[in-house]
PDB file of N, CA and C in Angstrom:
ATOM      1  N   UNK A   1    -148.370-110.722 -69.595  1.00  0.00           N
ATOM      2  CA  UNK A   1    -147.294-109.761 -69.756  1.00  0.00           C
ATOM      3  C   UNK A   1    -145.950-110.327 -69.313  1.00  0.00           C
ATOM      4  N   UNK A   2    -145.965-111.097 -68.235  1.00  0.00           N
ATOM      5  CA  UNK A   2    -144.714-111.625 -67.680  1.00  0.00           C
ATOM      6  C   UNK A   2    -144.411-113.038 -68.134  1.00  0.00           C
ATOM      7  N   UNK A   3    -145.392-113.683 -68.762  1.00  0.00           N
ATOM      8  CA  UNK A   3    -145.188-115.058 -69.165  1.00  0.00           C
ATOM      9  C   UNK A   3    -145.154-116.007 -67.978  1.00  0.00           C
ATOM     10  N   UNK A   4    -145.830-115.633 -66.903  1.00  0.00           N
ATOM     11  CA  UNK A   4    -145.854-116.431 -65.685  1.00  0.00           C
ATOM     12  C   UNK A   4    -147.296-116.830 -65.414  1.00  0.00           C
ATOM     13  N   UNK A   5    -147.511-118.109 -65.128  1.00  0.00           N
ATOM     14  CA  UNK A   5    -148.859-118.564 -64.808  1.00  0.00           C
ATOM     15  C   UNK A   5    -149.003-118.673 -63.299  1.00  0.00           C
ATOM     16  N   UNK A   6    -150.199-118.392 -62.828  1.00  0.00           N
ATOM     17  CA  UNK A   6    -150.499-118.560 -61.419  1.00  0.00           C
ATOM     18  C   UNK A   6    -149.871-117.516 -60.507  1.00  0.00           C
ATOM     19  N   UNK A   7    -149.565-116.336 -61.041  1.00  0.00           N
ATOM     20  CA  UNK A   7    -148.985-115.269 -60.233  1.00  0.00           C
ATOM     21  C   UNK A   7    -150.045-114.745 -59.275  1.00  0.00           C
ATOM     22  N   UNK A   8    -149.702-114.705 -57.989  1.00  0.00           N
ATOM     23  CA  UNK A   8    -150.645-114.231 -56.983  1.00  0.00           C
ATOM     24  C   UNK A   8    -149.936-113.316 -55.996  1.00  0.00           C
ATOM     25  N   UNK A   9    -150.735-112.643 -55.194  1.00  0.00           N
ATOM     26  CA  UNK A   9    -150.183-111.863 -54.098  1.00  0.00           C
ATOM     27  C   UNK A   9    -149.734-112.845 -53.019  1.00  0.00           C
ATOM     28  N   UNK A  10    -148.770-112.446 -52.247  1.00  0.00           N
ATOM     29  CA  UNK A  10    -148.255-113.304 -51.186  1.00  0.00           C
ATOM     30  C   UNK A  10    -149.272-113.443 -50.061  1.00  0.00           C
ATOM     31  N   UNK A  11    -149.228-114.581 -49.394  1.00  0.00           N
ATOM     32  CA  UNK A  11    -150.089-114.792 -48.237  1.00  0.00           C
ATOM     33  C   UNK A  11    -149.566-113.976 -47.053  1.00  0.00           C
ATOM     34  N   UNK A  12    -150.387-113.819 -46.055  1.00  0.00           N
ATOM     35  CA  UNK A  12    -149.973-113.094 -44.848  1.00  0.00           C
ATOM     36  C   UNK A  12    -148.752-113.766 -44.223  1.00  0.00           C
ATOM     37  N   UNK A  13    -148.738-115.081 -44.230  1.00  0.00           N
ATOM     38  CA  UNK A  13    -147.605-115.823 -43.667  1.00  0.00           C
ATOM     39  C   UNK A  13    -146.322-115.578 -44.465  1.00  0.00           C
ATOM     40  N   UNK A  14    -146.442-115.577 -45.797  1.00  0.00           N
ATOM     41  CA  UNK A  14    -145.266-115.335 -46.643  1.00  0.00           C
ATOM     42  C   UNK A  14    -144.741-113.911 -46.468  1.00  0.00           C
ATOM     43  N   UNK A  15    -145.653-112.943 -46.345  1.00  0.00           N
ATOM     44  CA  UNK A  15    -145.233-111.552 -46.127  1.00  0.00           C
ATOM     45  C   UNK A  15    -144.409-111.444 -44.853  1.00  0.00           C
ATOM     46  N   UNK A  16    -144.872-112.105 -43.811  1.00  0.00           N
ATOM     47  CA  UNK A  16    -144.172-112.050 -42.528  1.00  0.00           C
ATOM     48  C   UNK A  16    -142.821-112.763 -42.636  1.00  0.00           C
ATOM     49  N   UNK A  17    -142.800-113.918 -43.289  1.00  0.00           N
ATOM     50  CA  UNK A  17    -141.570-114.700 -43.384  1.00  0.00           C
ATOM     51  C   UNK A  17    -140.527-114.051 -44.294  1.00  0.00           C
ATOM     52  N   UNK A  18    -140.928-113.600 -45.479  1.00  0.00           N
ATOM     53  CA  UNK A  18    -139.958-113.100 -46.456  1.00  0.00           C
ATOM     54  C   UNK A  18    -139.640-111.622 -46.307  1.00  0.00           C
ATOM     55  N   UNK A  19    -140.631-110.821 -45.896  1.00  0.00           N
ATOM     56  CA  UNK A  19    -140.424-109.373 -45.839  1.00  0.00           C
ATOM     57  C   UNK A  19    -140.504-108.810 -44.424  1.00  0.00           C
ATOM     58  N   UNK A  20    -140.890-109.644 -43.475  1.00  0.00           N
ATOM     59  CA  UNK A  20    -141.019-109.237 -42.083  1.00  0.00           C
ATOM     60  C   UNK A  20    -141.956-108.038 -41.907  1.00  0.00           C
ATOM     61  N   UNK A  21    -143.075-108.083 -42.628  1.00  0.00           N
ATOM     62  CA  UNK A  21    -144.097-107.039 -42.509  1.00  0.00           C
ATOM     63  C   UNK A  21    -145.471-107.688 -42.402  1.00  0.00           C
ATOM     64  N   UNK A  22    -146.385-106.944 -41.826  1.00  0.00           N
ATOM     65  CA  UNK A  22    -147.765-107.400 -41.730  1.00  0.00           C
ATOM     66  C   UNK A  22    -148.532-106.965 -42.973  1.00  0.00           C
ATOM     67  N   UNK A  23    -149.647-107.628 -43.213  1.00  0.00           N
ATOM     68  CA  UNK A  23    -150.518-107.252 -44.317  1.00  0.00           C
ATOM     69  C   UNK A  23    -150.912-105.792 -44.156  1.00  0.00           C
ATOM     70  N   UNK A  24    -150.856-105.019 -45.220  1.00  0.00           N
ATOM     71  CA  UNK A  24    -151.163-103.596 -45.170  1.00  0.00           C
ATOM     72  C   UNK A  24    -149.933-102.727 -45.046  1.00  0.00           C
ATOM     73  N   UNK A  25    -148.809-103.317 -44.634  1.00  0.00           N
ATOM     74  CA  UNK A  25    -147.573-102.547 -44.467  1.00  0.00           C
ATOM     75  C   UNK A  25    -146.560-102.870 -45.561  1.00  0.00           C
ATOM     76  N   UNK A  26    -146.995-103.528 -46.604  1.00  0.00           N
ATOM     77  CA  UNK A  26    -146.094-103.907 -47.681  1.00  0.00           C
ATOM     78  C   UNK A  26    -145.798-102.700 -48.558  1.00  0.00           C
ATOM     79  N   UNK A  27    -144.533-102.452 -48.789  1.00  0.00           N
ATOM     80  CA  UNK A  27    -144.110-101.398 -49.709  1.00  0.00           C
ATOM     81  C   UNK A  27    -142.711-101.732 -50.188  1.00  0.00           C
ATOM     82  N   UNK A  28    -142.171-100.872 -51.015  1.00  0.00           N
ATOM     83  CA  UNK A  28    -140.809-101.085 -51.494  1.00  0.00           C
ATOM     84  C   UNK A  28    -139.801-101.094 -50.351  1.00  0.00           C
ATOM     85  N   UNK A  29    -140.115-100.415 -49.262  1.00  0.00           N
ATOM     86  CA  UNK A  29    -139.215-100.401 -48.101  1.00  0.00           C
ATOM     87  C   UNK A  29    -138.987-101.807 -47.554  1.00  0.00           C
ATOM     88  N   UNK A  30    -139.970-102.676 -47.679  1.00  0.00           N
ATOM     89  CA  UNK A  30    -139.855-104.030 -47.159  1.00  0.00           C
ATOM     90  C   UNK A  30    -138.779-104.842 -47.883  1.00  0.00           C
ATOM     91  N   UNK A  31    -138.364-104.396 -49.059  1.00  0.00           N
ATOM     92  CA  UNK A  31    -137.322-105.114 -49.799  1.00  0.00           C
ATOM     93  C   UNK A  31    -136.028-105.205 -48.991  1.00  0.00           C
ATOM     94  N   UNK A  32    -135.830-104.281 -48.073  1.00  0.00           N
ATOM     95  CA  UNK A  32    -134.646-104.299 -47.209  1.00  0.00           C
ATOM     96  C   UNK A  32    -134.593-105.589 -46.404  1.00  0.00           C
ATOM     97  N   UNK A  33    -135.755-106.117 -46.021  1.00  0.00           N
ATOM     98  CA  UNK A  33    -135.823-107.319 -45.199  1.00  0.00           C
ATOM     99  C   UNK A  33    -135.683-108.604 -45.997  1.00  0.00           C
ATOM    100  N   UNK A  34    -135.722-108.539 -47.313  1.00  0.00           N
ATOM    101  CA  UNK A  34    -135.624-109.729 -48.163  1.00  0.00           C
ATOM    102  C   UNK A  34    -134.154-110.030 -48.449  1.00  0.00           C
ATOM    103  N   UNK A  35    -133.452-110.521 -47.440  1.00  0.00           N
ATOM    104  CA  UNK A  35    -132.014-110.758 -47.571  1.00  0.00           C
ATOM    105  C   UNK A  35    -131.686-111.919 -48.501  1.00  0.00           C
ATOM    106  N   UNK A  36    -132.648-112.800 -48.735  1.00  0.00           N
ATOM    107  CA  UNK A  36    -132.428-113.937 -49.632  1.00  0.00           C
ATOM    108  C   UNK A  36    -132.821-113.630 -51.073  1.00  0.00           C
ATOM    109  N   UNK A  37    -133.298-112.418 -51.326  1.00  0.00           N
ATOM    110  CA  UNK A  37    -133.706-111.967 -52.674  1.00  0.00           C
ATOM    111  C   UNK A  37    -134.735-112.897 -53.312  1.00  0.00           C
ATOM    112  N   UNK A  38    -135.729-113.284 -52.538  1.00  0.00           N
ATOM    113  CA  UNK A  38    -136.798-114.144 -53.049  1.00  0.00           C
ATOM    114  C   UNK A  38    -137.910-113.352 -53.728  1.00  0.00           C
ATOM    115  N   UNK A  39    -138.046-112.069 -53.360  1.00  0.00           N
ATOM    116  CA  UNK A  39    -139.141-111.247 -53.865  1.00  0.00           C
ATOM    117  C   UNK A  39    -138.635-110.353 -54.994  1.00  0.00           C
ATOM    118  N   UNK A  40    -139.413-110.288 -56.062  1.00  0.00           N
ATOM    119  CA  UNK A  40    -139.061-109.442 -57.203  1.00  0.00           C
ATOM    120  C   UNK A  40    -139.917-108.186 -57.143  1.00  0.00           C
ATOM    121  N   UNK A  41    -139.287-107.006 -57.059  1.00  0.00           N
ATOM    122  CA  UNK A  41    -140.089-105.780 -57.068  1.00  0.00           C
ATOM    123  C   UNK A  41    -140.675-105.545 -58.459  1.00  0.00           C
ATOM    124  N   UNK A  42    -141.975-105.637 -58.574  1.00  0.00           N
ATOM    125  CA  UNK A  42    -142.697-105.502 -59.836  1.00  0.00           C
ATOM    126  C   UNK A  42    -143.454-104.184 -59.793  1.00  0.00           C
ATOM    127  N   UNK A  43    -143.039-103.226 -60.629  1.00  0.00           N
ATOM    128  CA  UNK A  43    -143.585-101.874 -60.575  1.00  0.00           C
ATOM    129  C   UNK A  43    -144.231-101.476 -61.887  1.00  0.00           C
ATOM    130  N   UNK A  44    -145.224-100.607 -61.782  1.00  0.00           N
ATOM    131  CA  UNK A  44    -145.869-100.061 -62.968  1.00  0.00           C
ATOM    132  C   UNK A  44    -144.861 -99.201 -63.733  1.00  0.00           C
ATOM    133  N   UNK A  45    -144.901 -99.276 -65.027  1.00  0.00           N
ATOM    134  CA  UNK A  45    -143.995 -98.515 -65.898  1.00  0.00           C
ATOM    135  C   UNK A  45    -144.011 -97.023 -65.579  1.00  0.00           C
ATOM    136  N   UNK A  46    -145.157 -96.496 -65.134  1.00  0.00           N
ATOM    137  CA  UNK A  46    -145.245 -95.076 -64.806  1.00  0.00           C
ATOM    138  C   UNK A  46    -144.257 -94.674 -63.708  1.00  0.00           C
ATOM    139  N   UNK A  47    -143.891 -95.607 -62.853  1.00  0.00           N
ATOM    140  CA  UNK A  47    -142.964 -95.283 -61.766  1.00  0.00           C
ATOM    141  C   UNK A  47    -141.530 -95.095 -62.256  1.00  0.00           C
ATOM    142  N   UNK A  48    -141.224 -95.603 -63.433  1.00  0.00           N
ATOM    143  CA  UNK A  48    -139.862 -95.426 -63.961  1.00  0.00           C
ATOM    144  C   UNK A  48    -139.520 -93.947 -64.134  1.00  0.00           C
ATOM    145  N   UNK A  49    -140.514 -93.155 -64.513  1.00  0.00           N
ATOM    146  CA  UNK A  49    -140.279 -91.731 -64.751  1.00  0.00           C
ATOM    147  C   UNK A  49    -140.965 -90.833 -63.728  1.00  0.00           C
ATOM    148  N   UNK A  50    -141.587 -91.428 -62.724  1.00  0.00           N
ATOM    149  CA  UNK A  50    -142.242 -90.631 -61.681  1.00  0.00           C
ATOM    150  C   UNK A  50    -141.188 -89.835 -60.921  1.00  0.00           C
ATOM    151  N   UNK A  51    -141.543 -88.684 -60.448  1.00  0.00           N
ATOM    152  CA  UNK A  51    -140.580 -87.883 -59.690  1.00  0.00           C
ATOM    153  C   UNK A  51    -140.430 -88.409 -58.273  1.00  0.00           C
ATOM    154  N   UNK A  52    -141.499 -89.030 -57.731  1.00  0.00           N
ATOM    155  CA  UNK A  52    -141.482 -89.516 -56.357  1.00  0.00           C
ATOM    156  C   UNK A  52    -142.309 -90.788 -56.231  1.00  0.00           C
ATOM    157  N   UNK A  53    -141.964 -91.601 -55.264  1.00  0.00           N
ATOM    158  CA  UNK A  53    -142.755 -92.779 -54.907  1.00  0.00           C
ATOM    159  C   UNK A  53    -143.273 -92.546 -53.500  1.00  0.00           C
ATOM    160  N   UNK A  54    -144.477 -93.018 -53.225  1.00  0.00           N
ATOM    161  CA  UNK A  54    -145.047 -92.970 -51.880  1.00  0.00           C
ATOM    162  C   UNK A  54    -145.226 -94.400 -51.394  1.00  0.00           C
ATOM    163  N   UNK A  55    -145.057 -94.603 -50.119  1.00  0.00           N
ATOM    164  CA  UNK A  55    -145.275 -95.921 -49.547  1.00  0.00           C
ATOM    165  C   UNK A  55    -145.225 -95.865 -48.041  1.00  0.00           C
ATOM    166  N   UNK A  56    -145.564 -96.981 -47.445  1.00  0.00           N
ATOM    167  CA  UNK A  56    -145.485 -97.062 -45.987  1.00  0.00           C
ATOM    168  C   UNK A  56    -144.104 -97.598 -45.608  1.00  0.00           C
ATOM    169  N   UNK A  57    -143.485 -97.029 -44.570  1.00  0.00           N
ATOM    170  CA  UNK A  57    -142.153 -97.492 -44.170  1.00  0.00           C
ATOM    171  C   UNK A  57    -142.214 -98.706 -43.240  1.00  0.00           C
ATOM    172  N   UNK A  58    -142.808 -99.800 -43.731  1.00  0.00           N
ATOM    173  CA  UNK A  58    -142.933-101.075 -43.022  1.00  0.00           C
ATOM    174  C   UNK A  58    -143.874-101.019 -41.826  1.00  0.00           C
ATOM    175  N   UNK A  59    -144.622 -99.956 -41.690  1.00  0.00           N
ATOM    176  CA  UNK A  59    -145.682 -99.834 -40.687  1.00  0.00           C
ATOM    177  C   UNK A  59    -146.853 -99.114 -41.344  1.00  0.00           C
ATOM    178  N   UNK A  60    -148.027 -99.299 -40.798  1.00  0.00           N
ATOM    179  CA  UNK A  60    -149.213 -98.689 -41.415  1.00  0.00           C
ATOM    180  C   UNK A  60    -149.551 -97.328 -40.837  1.00  0.00           C
ATOM    181  N   UNK A  61    -148.732 -96.819 -39.937  1.00  0.00           N
ATOM    182  CA  UNK A  61    -149.051 -95.558 -39.271  1.00  0.00           C
ATOM    183  C   UNK A  61    -148.337 -94.360 -39.879  1.00  0.00           C
ATOM    184  N   UNK A  62    -147.620 -94.554 -40.964  1.00  0.00           N
ATOM    185  CA  UNK A  62    -146.873 -93.452 -41.578  1.00  0.00           C
ATOM    186  C   UNK A  62    -146.806 -93.657 -43.086  1.00  0.00           C
ATOM    187  N   UNK A  63    -146.509 -92.578 -43.784  1.00  0.00           N
ATOM    188  CA  UNK A  63    -146.291 -92.628 -45.229  1.00  0.00           C
ATOM    189  C   UNK A  63    -144.935 -92.017 -45.514  1.00  0.00           C
ATOM    190  N   UNK A  64    -144.191 -92.636 -46.386  1.00  0.00           N
ATOM    191  CA  UNK A  64    -142.875 -92.161 -46.769  1.00  0.00           C
ATOM    192  C   UNK A  64    -142.919 -91.746 -48.233  1.00  0.00           C
ATOM    193  N   UNK A  65    -142.456 -90.546 -48.520  1.00  0.00           N
ATOM    194  CA  UNK A  65    -142.383 -90.056 -49.889  1.00  0.00           C
ATOM    195  C   UNK A  65    -140.922 -89.775 -50.190  1.00  0.00           C
ATOM    196  N   UNK A  66    -140.370 -90.465 -51.166  1.00  0.00           N
ATOM    197  CA  UNK A  66    -138.980 -90.257 -51.563  1.00  0.00           C
ATOM    198  C   UNK A  66    -138.901 -89.983 -53.051  1.00  0.00           C
ATOM    199  N   UNK A  67    -137.866 -89.273 -53.436  1.00  0.00           N
ATOM    200  CA  UNK A  67    -137.667 -89.010 -54.853  1.00  0.00           C
ATOM    201  C   UNK A  67    -137.333 -90.316 -55.573  1.00  0.00           C
ATOM    202  N   UNK A  68    -137.583 -90.317 -56.858  1.00  0.00           N
ATOM    203  CA  UNK A  68    -137.237 -91.475 -57.677  1.00  0.00           C
ATOM    204  C   UNK A  68    -135.747 -91.789 -57.524  1.00  0.00           C
ATOM    205  N   UNK A  69    -134.926 -90.758 -57.510  1.00  0.00           N
ATOM    206  CA  UNK A  69    -133.474 -90.947 -57.350  1.00  0.00           C
ATOM    207  C   UNK A  69    -133.154 -91.642 -56.026  1.00  0.00           C
ATOM    208  N   UNK A  70    -133.832 -91.266 -54.959  1.00  0.00           N
ATOM    209  CA  UNK A  70    -133.598 -91.897 -53.656  1.00  0.00           C
ATOM    210  C   UNK A  70    -133.996 -93.370 -53.686  1.00  0.00           C
ATOM    211  N   UNK A  71    -135.127 -93.676 -54.345  1.00  0.00           N
ATOM    212  CA  UNK A  71    -135.529 -95.085 -54.454  1.00  0.00           C
ATOM    213  C   UNK A  71    -134.491 -95.869 -55.260  1.00  0.00           C
ATOM    214  N   UNK A  72    -133.985 -95.269 -56.340  1.00  0.00           N
ATOM    215  CA  UNK A  72    -132.984 -95.966 -57.142  1.00  0.00           C
ATOM    216  C   UNK A  72    -131.722 -96.230 -56.316  1.00  0.00           C
ATOM    217  N   UNK A  73    -131.361 -95.276 -55.445  1.00  0.00           N
ATOM    218  CA  UNK A  73    -130.216 -95.480 -54.547  1.00  0.00           C
ATOM    219  C   UNK A  73    -130.488 -96.633 -53.589  1.00  0.00           C
ATOM    220  N   UNK A  74    -131.717 -96.708 -53.084  1.00  0.00           N
ATOM    221  CA  UNK A  74    -132.080 -97.809 -52.197  1.00  0.00           C
ATOM    222  C   UNK A  74    -131.971 -99.138 -52.925  1.00  0.00           C
ATOM    223  N   UNK A  75    -132.534 -99.220 -54.132  1.00  0.00           N
ATOM    224  CA  UNK A  75    -132.456-100.466 -54.904  1.00  0.00           C
ATOM    225  C   UNK A  75    -130.996-100.880 -55.115  1.00  0.00           C
ATOM    226  N   UNK A  76    -130.155 -99.925 -55.435  1.00  0.00           N
ATOM    227  CA  UNK A  76    -128.741-100.219 -55.654  1.00  0.00           C
ATOM    228  C   UNK A  76    -128.094-100.705 -54.359  1.00  0.00           C
ATOM    229  N   UNK A  77    -128.409-100.054 -53.247  1.00  0.00           N
ATOM    230  CA  UNK A  77    -127.815-100.417 -51.959  1.00  0.00           C
ATOM    231  C   UNK A  77    -128.197-101.826 -51.529  1.00  0.00           C
ATOM    232  N   UNK A  78    -129.418-102.248 -51.850  1.00  0.00           N
ATOM    233  CA  UNK A  78    -129.846-103.594 -51.465  1.00  0.00           C
ATOM    234  C   UNK A  78    -129.712-104.587 -52.627  1.00  0.00           C
ATOM    235  N   UNK A  79    -129.026-104.139 -53.684  1.00  0.00           N
ATOM    236  CA  UNK A  79    -128.718-104.979 -54.855  1.00  0.00           C
ATOM    237  C   UNK A  79    -129.967-105.592 -55.477  1.00  0.00           C
ATOM    238  N   UNK A  80    -130.947-104.721 -55.758  1.00  0.00           N
ATOM    239  CA  UNK A  80    -132.185-105.156 -56.384  1.00  0.00           C
ATOM    240  C   UNK A  80    -132.452-104.318 -57.621  1.00  0.00           C
ATOM    241  N   UNK A  81    -133.044-104.945 -58.619  1.00  0.00           N
ATOM    242  CA  UNK A  81    -133.444-104.244 -59.839  1.00  0.00           C
ATOM    243  C   UNK A  81    -134.931-104.485 -60.052  1.00  0.00           C
ATOM    244  N   UNK A  82    -135.734-103.441 -59.947  1.00  0.00           N
ATOM    245  CA  UNK A  82    -137.170-103.645 -60.155  1.00  0.00           C
ATOM    246  C   UNK A  82    -137.477-104.005 -61.606  1.00  0.00           C
ATOM    247  N   UNK A  83    -138.549-104.753 -61.779  1.00  0.00           N
ATOM    248  CA  UNK A  83    -139.056-105.088 -63.105  1.00  0.00           C
ATOM    249  C   UNK A  83    -140.244-104.169 -63.350  1.00  0.00           C
ATOM    250  N   UNK A  84    -140.210-103.446 -64.463  1.00  0.00           N
ATOM    251  CA  UNK A  84    -141.278-102.509 -64.796  1.00  0.00           C
ATOM    252  C   UNK A  84    -142.202-103.134 -65.831  1.00  0.00           C
ATOM    253  N   UNK A  85    -143.506-103.035 -65.577  1.00  0.00           N
ATOM    254  CA  UNK A  85    -144.499-103.536 -66.530  1.00  0.00           C
ATOM    255  C   UNK A  85    -145.513-102.437 -66.795  1.00  0.00           C
ATOM    256  N   UNK A  86    -146.131-102.474 -67.958  1.00  0.00           N
ATOM    257  CA  UNK A  86    -147.166-101.510 -68.304  1.00  0.00           C
ATOM    258  C   UNK A  86    -148.502-102.074 -67.843  1.00  0.00           C
ATOM    259  N   UNK A  87    -148.771-101.910 -66.548  1.00  0.00           N
ATOM    260  CA  UNK A  87    -149.997-102.455 -65.961  1.00  0.00           C
ATOM    261  C   UNK A  87    -151.190-101.612 -66.379  1.00  0.00           C
ATOM    262  N   UNK A  88    -152.241-102.261 -66.846  1.00  0.00           N
ATOM    263  CA  UNK A  88    -153.423-101.497 -67.254  1.00  0.00           C
ATOM    264  C   UNK A  88    -154.101-100.877 -66.041  1.00  0.00           C
ATOM    265  N   UNK A  89    -154.576 -99.658 -66.191  1.00  0.00           N
ATOM    266  CA  UNK A  89    -155.295 -98.975 -65.115  1.00  0.00           C
ATOM    267  C   UNK A  89    -156.690 -99.559 -65.000  1.00  0.00           C
ATOM    268  N   UNK A  90    -157.163 -99.649 -63.767  1.00  0.00           N
ATOM    269  CA  UNK A  90    -158.533-100.105 -63.516  1.00  0.00           C
ATOM    270  C   UNK A  90    -159.227 -99.052 -62.686  1.00  0.00           C
ATOM    271  N   UNK A  91    -160.368 -98.595 -63.143  1.00  0.00           N
ATOM    272  CA  UNK A  91    -161.103 -97.552 -62.421  1.00  0.00           C
ATOM    273  C   UNK A  91    -161.420 -97.977 -60.991  1.00  0.00           C
ATOM    274  N   UNK A  92    -161.576 -99.266 -60.758  1.00  0.00           N
ATOM    275  CA  UNK A  92    -161.961 -99.728 -59.420  1.00  0.00           C
ATOM    276  C   UNK A  92    -160.819 -99.596 -58.417  1.00  0.00           C
ATOM    277  N   UNK A  93    -159.615 -99.302 -58.872  1.00  0.00           N
ATOM    278  CA  UNK A  93    -158.476 -99.183 -57.971  1.00  0.00           C
ATOM    279  C   UNK A  93    -158.402 -97.825 -57.303  1.00  0.00           C
ATOM    280  N   UNK A  94    -159.187 -96.884 -57.728  1.00  0.00           N
ATOM    281  CA  UNK A  94    -159.146 -95.555 -57.126  1.00  0.00           C
ATOM    282  C   UNK A  94    -160.553 -94.976 -57.100  1.00  0.00           C
ATOM    283  N   UNK A  95    -160.724 -93.936 -56.349  1.00  0.00           N
ATOM    284  CA  UNK A  95    -162.037 -93.290 -56.283  1.00  0.00           C
ATOM    285  C   UNK A  95    -162.337 -92.688 -57.649  1.00  0.00           C
ATOM    286  N   UNK A  96    -163.496 -92.985 -58.175  1.00  0.00           N
ATOM    287  CA  UNK A  96    -163.879 -92.486 -59.504  1.00  0.00           C
ATOM    288  C   UNK A  96    -163.744 -90.973 -59.566  1.00  0.00           C
ATOM    289  N   UNK A  97    -163.136 -90.491 -60.632  1.00  0.00           N
ATOM    290  CA  UNK A  97    -162.993 -89.060 -60.839  1.00  0.00           C
ATOM    291  C   UNK A  97    -161.709 -88.467 -60.274  1.00  0.00           C
ATOM    292  N   UNK A  98    -160.919 -89.262 -59.548  1.00  0.00           N
ATOM    293  CA  UNK A  98    -159.663 -88.740 -59.011  1.00  0.00           C
ATOM    294  C   UNK A  98    -158.532 -89.082 -59.960  1.00  0.00           C
ATOM    295  N   UNK A  99    -157.550 -88.210 -60.063  1.00  0.00           N
ATOM    296  CA  UNK A  99    -156.431 -88.498 -60.968  1.00  0.00           C
ATOM    297  C   UNK A  99    -155.565 -89.618 -60.420  1.00  0.00           C
ATOM    298  N   UNK A 100    -154.882 -90.313 -61.318  1.00  0.00           N
ATOM    299  CA  UNK A 100    -153.978 -91.375 -60.890  1.00  0.00           C
ATOM    300  C   UNK A 100    -152.789 -90.775 -60.152  1.00  0.00           C
ATOM    301  N   UNK A 101    -152.373 -89.601 -60.552  1.00  0.00           N
ATOM    302  CA  UNK A 101    -151.297 -88.887 -59.873  1.00  0.00           C
ATOM    303  C   UNK A 101    -151.850 -87.572 -59.365  1.00  0.00           C
ATOM    304  N   UNK A 102    -151.194 -87.040 -58.343  1.00  0.00           N
ATOM    305  CA  UNK A 102    -151.600 -85.732 -57.845  1.00  0.00           C
ATOM    306  C   UNK A 102    -150.351 -84.912 -57.599  1.00  0.00           C
ATOM    307  N   UNK A 103    -150.523 -83.619 -57.542  1.00  0.00           N
ATOM    308  CA  UNK A 103    -149.394 -82.728 -57.265  1.00  0.00           C
ATOM    309  C   UNK A 103    -149.013 -82.835 -55.795  1.00  0.00           C
ATOM    310  N   UNK A 104    -147.726 -82.707 -55.513  1.00  0.00           N
ATOM    311  CA  UNK A 104    -147.245 -82.734 -54.142  1.00  0.00           C
ATOM    312  C   UNK A 104    -147.590 -81.434 -53.434  1.00  0.00           C
ATOM    313  N   UNK A 105    -147.896 -81.531 -52.141  1.00  0.00           N
ATOM    314  CA  UNK A 105    -148.127 -80.338 -51.344  1.00  0.00           C
ATOM    315  C   UNK A 105    -146.775 -79.736 -50.987  1.00  0.00           C
ATOM    316  N   UNK A 106    -146.771 -78.490 -50.541  1.00  0.00           N
ATOM    317  CA  UNK A 106    -145.519 -77.835 -50.128  1.00  0.00           C
ATOM    318  C   UNK A 106    -144.879 -78.596 -48.970  1.00  0.00           C
ATOM    319  N   UNK A 107    -145.690 -79.057 -48.025  1.00  0.00           N
ATOM    320  CA  UNK A 107    -145.180 -79.818 -46.891  1.00  0.00           C
ATOM    321  C   UNK A 107    -144.500 -81.113 -47.370  1.00  0.00           C
ATOM    322  N   UNK A 108    -145.125 -81.805 -48.312  1.00  0.00           N
ATOM    323  CA  UNK A 108    -144.531 -83.031 -48.848  1.00  0.00           C
ATOM    324  C   UNK A 108    -143.215 -82.735 -49.558  1.00  0.00           C
ATOM    325  N   UNK A 109    -143.161 -81.642 -50.296  1.00  0.00           N
ATOM    326  CA  UNK A 109    -141.920 -81.260 -50.982  1.00  0.00           C
ATOM    327  C   UNK A 109    -140.800 -81.006 -49.975  1.00  0.00           C
ATOM    328  N   UNK A 110    -141.121 -80.330 -48.867  1.00  0.00           N
ATOM    329  CA  UNK A 110    -140.118 -80.062 -47.832  1.00  0.00           C
ATOM    330  C   UNK A 110    -139.635 -81.354 -47.190  1.00  0.00           C
ATOM    331  N   UNK A 111    -140.547 -82.282 -46.922  1.00  0.00           N
ATOM    332  CA  UNK A 111    -140.169 -83.570 -46.335  1.00  0.00           C
ATOM    333  C   UNK A 111    -139.255 -84.346 -47.280  1.00  0.00           C
ATOM    334  N   UNK A 112    -139.566 -84.302 -48.553  1.00  0.00           N
ATOM    335  CA  UNK A 112    -138.751 -85.002 -49.554  1.00  0.00           C
ATOM    336  C   UNK A 112    -137.348 -84.420 -49.590  1.00  0.00           C
ATOM    337  N   UNK A 113    -137.260 -83.112 -49.567  1.00  0.00           N
ATOM    338  CA  UNK A 113    -135.931 -82.470 -49.559  1.00  0.00           C
ATOM    339  C   UNK A 113    -135.136 -82.896 -48.335  1.00  0.00           C
ATOM    340  N   UNK A 114    -135.788 -83.009 -47.177  1.00  0.00           N
ATOM    341  CA  UNK A 114    -135.098 -83.462 -45.965  1.00  0.00           C
ATOM    342  C   UNK A 114    -134.605 -84.899 -46.127  1.00  0.00           C
ATOM    343  N   UNK A 115    -135.444 -85.785 -46.633  1.00  0.00           N
ATOM    344  CA  UNK A 115    -135.038 -87.179 -46.831  1.00  0.00           C
ATOM    345  C   UNK A 115    -133.898 -87.281 -47.835  1.00  0.00           C
ATOM    346  N   UNK A 116    -133.979 -86.501 -48.909  1.00  0.00           N
ATOM    347  CA  UNK A 116    -132.931 -86.535 -49.931  1.00  0.00           C
ATOM    348  C   UNK A 116    -131.599 -86.087 -49.351  1.00  0.00           C
ATOM    349  N   UNK A 117    -131.614 -85.041 -48.482  1.00  0.00           N
ATOM    350  CA  UNK A 117    -130.383 -84.587 -47.843  1.00  0.00           C
ATOM    351  C   UNK A 117    -129.809 -85.662 -46.934  1.00  0.00           C
ATOM    352  N   UNK A 118    -130.667 -86.362 -46.231  1.00  0.00           N
ATOM    353  CA  UNK A 118    -130.207 -87.440 -45.341  1.00  0.00           C
ATOM    354  C   UNK A 118    -129.564 -88.555 -46.162  1.00  0.00           C
ATOM    355  N   UNK A 119    -130.160 -88.897 -47.303  1.00  0.00           N
ATOM    356  CA  UNK A 119    -129.620 -89.981 -48.135  1.00  0.00           C
ATOM    357  C   UNK A 119    -128.321 -89.615 -48.829  1.00  0.00           C
ATOM    358  N   UNK A 120    -128.090 -88.324 -49.044  1.00  0.00           N
ATOM    359  CA  UNK A 120    -126.847 -87.896 -49.685  1.00  0.00           C
ATOM    360  C   UNK A 120    -125.741 -88.049 -48.724  1.00  0.00           C
TER     361      UNK A 120
END
């Protein structure tokens, strides 16, 4: 799809050096730490129109849910443009029978509204 050979996930050492995060804490938030712009944010095409993105805020003890608009503001602020690809779904990536997307809970919606107000 990308015309790139030998594309792999980063090693634990590279994650620490380029994104300043440990394995398991990698998310779009880590792009803030890539001041040399060595890492390309590669996202599934579905995220282009998703209402919200979920991820860990550079630690594994929390989850951050932001609106798509808030993520786009972050990308602009750190001068990054994600590359969107139509990645094929694999059943092994999720628990069989669960949807790829789920509806947000009321609590999650309230948290998102708070984050969006802070970013404005």
